[in-house]
């Protein structure tokens, strides 16, 4: 697998809370945040080690063998430093597709998930 994208940003919730959000994005007691587009599908959890790592299957049926790795660390303010790494199986897609995949992960994680915590 080859890395085609990675980004780290902080979220206001502690790592255990963010980990639970990634492992079960449709928890009944939380605000919905995993708002998928028509060309996306709900990921499955390939592996998870609470509260520091989660691995998702691909969100994109057109790229079923890709993976998204999440690394979570406690940030200085008590929140979470969340890093996603997008890994492609086989050949990397063209730059336009890579840009779209990274944009969607940024939006889902650092906008939608952040807003689900009230910020």
C-alpha atoms as a PDB file:
ATOM      1  CA  UNK A   1       0.000   0.000   0.000  1.00  0.00           C
ATOM      2  CA  UNK A   2       1.162   3.512  -0.752  1.00  0.00           C
ATOM      3  CA  UNK A   3       0.352   6.666   1.161  1.00  0.00           C
ATOM      4  CA  UNK A   4      -1.624   9.123  -0.938  1.00  0.00           C
ATOM      5  CA  UNK A   5      -2.664  11.548   1.779  1.00  0.00           C
ATOM      6  CA  UNK A   6      -2.192  12.408   5.416  1.00  0.00           C
ATOM      7  CA  UNK A   7      -3.203  15.244   7.690  1.00  0.00           C
ATOM      8  CA  UNK A   8      -3.265  15.910  11.421  1.00  0.00           C
ATOM      9  CA  UNK A   9      -5.419  18.429  13.232  1.00  0.00           C
ATOM     10  CA  UNK A  10      -6.766  18.828  16.711  1.00  0.00           C
ATOM     11  CA  UNK A  11     -10.299  18.118  17.837  1.00  0.00           C
ATOM     12  CA  UNK A  12     -11.797  19.402  21.103  1.00  0.00           C
ATOM     13  CA  UNK A  13     -12.932  16.021  22.473  1.00  0.00           C
ATOM     14  CA  UNK A  14     -10.575  13.665  24.350  1.00  0.00           C
ATOM     15  CA  UNK A  15      -9.077  10.665  22.504  1.00  0.00           C
ATOM     16  CA  UNK A  16     -11.481   8.109  24.016  1.00  0.00           C
ATOM     17  CA  UNK A  17     -14.470  10.092  22.738  1.00  0.00           C
ATOM     18  CA  UNK A  18     -12.995  10.573  19.260  1.00  0.00           C
ATOM     19  CA  UNK A  19     -12.056   6.884  19.133  1.00  0.00           C
ATOM     20  CA  UNK A  20     -15.671   5.896  19.919  1.00  0.00           C
ATOM     21  CA  UNK A  21     -16.914   8.305  17.236  1.00  0.00           C
ATOM     22  CA  UNK A  22     -14.651   6.647  14.648  1.00  0.00           C
ATOM     23  CA  UNK A  23     -15.512   3.100  15.702  1.00  0.00           C
ATOM     24  CA  UNK A  24     -19.269   3.762  15.810  1.00  0.00           C
ATOM     25  CA  UNK A  25     -20.082   6.910  13.818  1.00  0.00           C
ATOM     26  CA  UNK A  26     -23.834   6.339  14.127  1.00  0.00           C
ATOM     27  CA  UNK A  27     -24.076   6.123  17.912  1.00  0.00           C
ATOM     28  CA  UNK A  28     -27.694   6.890  18.833  1.00  0.00           C
ATOM     29  CA  UNK A  29     -26.782   9.373  21.577  1.00  0.00           C
ATOM     30  CA  UNK A  30     -24.537  11.579  19.420  1.00  0.00           C
ATOM     31  CA  UNK A  31     -24.996  14.150  16.678  1.00  0.00           C
ATOM     32  CA  UNK A  32     -24.756  12.603  13.213  1.00  0.00           C
ATOM     33  CA  UNK A  33     -21.519  13.490  11.447  1.00  0.00           C
ATOM     34  CA  UNK A  34     -20.712  10.803   8.868  1.00  0.00           C
ATOM     35  CA  UNK A  35     -22.679  12.434   6.057  1.00  0.00           C
ATOM     36  CA  UNK A  36     -21.759  10.361   3.026  1.00  0.00           C
ATOM     37  CA  UNK A  37     -22.168  11.387  -0.585  1.00  0.00           C
ATOM     38  CA  UNK A  38     -23.947   9.247  -3.187  1.00  0.00           C
ATOM     39  CA  UNK A  39     -20.629   7.754  -4.364  1.00  0.00           C
ATOM     40  CA  UNK A  40     -19.540   6.792  -0.823  1.00  0.00           C
ATOM     41  CA  UNK A  41     -20.359   3.922   1.531  1.00  0.00           C
ATOM     42  CA  UNK A  42     -20.149   3.432   5.281  1.00  0.00           C
ATOM     43  CA  UNK A  43     -16.728   2.055   6.235  1.00  0.00           C
ATOM     44  CA  UNK A  44     -16.132  -1.132   8.128  1.00  0.00           C
ATOM     45  CA  UNK A  45     -13.625  -1.277  10.964  1.00  0.00           C
ATOM     46  CA  UNK A  46     -10.599  -3.341   9.947  1.00  0.00           C
ATOM     47  CA  UNK A  47      -8.887  -2.924  13.312  1.00  0.00           C
ATOM     48  CA  UNK A  48      -9.058  -0.742  16.388  1.00  0.00           C
ATOM     49  CA  UNK A  49      -6.890  -0.324  19.479  1.00  0.00           C
ATOM     50  CA  UNK A  50      -8.585   1.882  22.064  1.00  0.00           C
ATOM     51  CA  UNK A  51      -7.936   4.800  22.314  1.00  0.00           C
ATOM     52  CA  UNK A  52      -5.024   5.259  19.911  1.00  0.00           C
ATOM     53  CA  UNK A  53      -5.748   3.705  16.490  1.00  0.00           C
ATOM     54  CA  UNK A  54      -8.584   2.837  14.133  1.00  0.00           C
ATOM     55  CA  UNK A  55      -8.410   1.467  10.591  1.00  0.00           C
ATOM     56  CA  UNK A  56     -11.348   1.922   8.233  1.00  0.00           C
ATOM     57  CA  UNK A  57     -12.060   0.222   4.968  1.00  0.00           C
ATOM     58  CA  UNK A  58     -12.473   2.499   1.978  1.00  0.00           C
ATOM     59  CA  UNK A  59     -15.381   4.933   1.771  1.00  0.00           C
ATOM     60  CA  UNK A  60     -15.368   4.657  -1.999  1.00  0.00           C
ATOM     61  CA  UNK A  61     -16.797   1.644  -3.858  1.00  0.00           C
ATOM     62  CA  UNK A  62     -14.653   2.629  -6.854  1.00  0.00           C
ATOM     63  CA  UNK A  63     -11.537   2.064  -4.659  1.00  0.00           C
ATOM     64  CA  UNK A  64     -12.563  -0.889  -2.452  1.00  0.00           C
ATOM     65  CA  UNK A  65      -9.060  -1.931  -1.370  1.00  0.00           C
ATOM     66  CA  UNK A  66      -7.942   1.451  -0.017  1.00  0.00           C
ATOM     67  CA  UNK A  67      -7.680   1.982   3.747  1.00  0.00           C
ATOM     68  CA  UNK A  68      -7.857   4.933   6.104  1.00  0.00           C
ATOM     69  CA  UNK A  69      -5.660   4.761   9.199  1.00  0.00           C
ATOM     70  CA  UNK A  70      -6.347   7.005  12.182  1.00  0.00           C
ATOM     71  CA  UNK A  71      -3.842   7.780  14.914  1.00  0.00           C
ATOM     72  CA  UNK A  72      -5.080   9.585  18.020  1.00  0.00           C
ATOM     73  CA  UNK A  73      -2.956  11.338  20.636  1.00  0.00           C
ATOM     74  CA  UNK A  74      -3.833  13.533  23.578  1.00  0.00           C
ATOM     75  CA  UNK A  75      -3.325  17.179  22.621  1.00  0.00           C
ATOM     76  CA  UNK A  76      -1.832  19.739  25.000  1.00  0.00           C
ATOM     77  CA  UNK A  77      -5.298  21.194  25.689  1.00  0.00           C
ATOM     78  CA  UNK A  78      -6.779  17.793  26.622  1.00  0.00           C
ATOM     79  CA  UNK A  79      -8.407  17.319  23.237  1.00  0.00           C
ATOM     80  CA  UNK A  80      -7.211  14.986  20.503  1.00  0.00           C
ATOM     81  CA  UNK A  81      -4.580  15.283  17.826  1.00  0.00           C
ATOM     82  CA  UNK A  82      -6.127  13.174  15.060  1.00  0.00           C
ATOM     83  CA  UNK A  83      -4.092  12.079  12.049  1.00  0.00           C
ATOM     84  CA  UNK A  84      -5.590  10.302   9.078  1.00  0.00           C
ATOM     85  CA  UNK A  85      -3.442   8.482   6.549  1.00  0.00           C
ATOM     86  CA  UNK A  86      -5.055   7.397   3.300  1.00  0.00           C
ATOM     87  CA  UNK A  87      -3.442   4.310   1.811  1.00  0.00           C
ATOM     88  CA  UNK A  88      -4.021   3.112  -1.746  1.00  0.00           C
ATOM     89  CA  UNK A  89      -3.802  -0.514  -2.746  1.00  0.00           C
ATOM     90  CA  UNK A  90      -2.027  -0.938  -6.053  1.00  0.00           C
ATOM     91  CA  UNK A  91      -1.599   2.103  -8.252  1.00  0.00           C
ATOM     92  CA  UNK A  92      -2.355   5.556  -6.926  1.00  0.00           C
ATOM     93  CA  UNK A  93      -5.279   7.353  -8.563  1.00  0.00           C
ATOM     94  CA  UNK A  94      -4.670  10.512 -10.588  1.00  0.00           C
ATOM     95  CA  UNK A  95      -4.033  13.803  -8.759  1.00  0.00           C
ATOM     96  CA  UNK A  96      -7.611  15.004  -9.239  1.00  0.00           C
ATOM     97  CA  UNK A  97      -9.015  11.899  -7.546  1.00  0.00           C
ATOM     98  CA  UNK A  98      -6.444  12.090  -4.746  1.00  0.00           C
ATOM     99  CA  UNK A  99      -7.453  15.695  -4.140  1.00  0.00           C
ATOM    100  CA  UNK A 100     -11.121  14.723  -3.931  1.00  0.00           C
ATOM    101  CA  UNK A 101     -10.462  11.851  -1.495  1.00  0.00           C
ATOM    102  CA  UNK A 102      -8.336  14.045   0.791  1.00  0.00           C
ATOM    103  CA  UNK A 103     -10.892  16.865   0.623  1.00  0.00           C
ATOM    104  CA  UNK A 104     -13.693  14.514   1.681  1.00  0.00           C
ATOM    105  CA  UNK A 105     -11.725  13.144   4.629  1.00  0.00           C
ATOM    106  CA  UNK A 106     -10.829  16.670   5.729  1.00  0.00           C
ATOM    107  CA  UNK A 107     -14.484  17.685   5.535  1.00  0.00           C
ATOM    108  CA  UNK A 108     -15.808  14.619   7.347  1.00  0.00           C
ATOM    109  CA  UNK A 109     -13.240  14.698  10.135  1.00  0.00           C
ATOM    110  CA  UNK A 110     -12.180  18.280  10.665  1.00  0.00           C
ATOM    111  CA  UNK A 111     -15.515  19.932   9.951  1.00  0.00           C
ATOM    112  CA  UNK A 112     -18.408  17.476  10.428  1.00  0.00           C
ATOM    113  CA  UNK A 113     -16.898  15.452  13.289  1.00  0.00           C
ATOM    114  CA  UNK A 114     -15.611  18.639  14.971  1.00  0.00           C
ATOM    115  CA  UNK A 115     -19.062  20.222  14.745  1.00  0.00           C
ATOM    116  CA  UNK A 116     -20.615  17.119  16.294  1.00  0.00           C
ATOM    117  CA  UNK A 117     -18.682  18.019  19.456  1.00  0.00           C
ATOM    118  CA  UNK A 118     -20.227  21.477  19.477  1.00  0.00           C
ATOM    119  CA  UNK A 119     -17.402  23.438  17.821  1.00  0.00           C
END
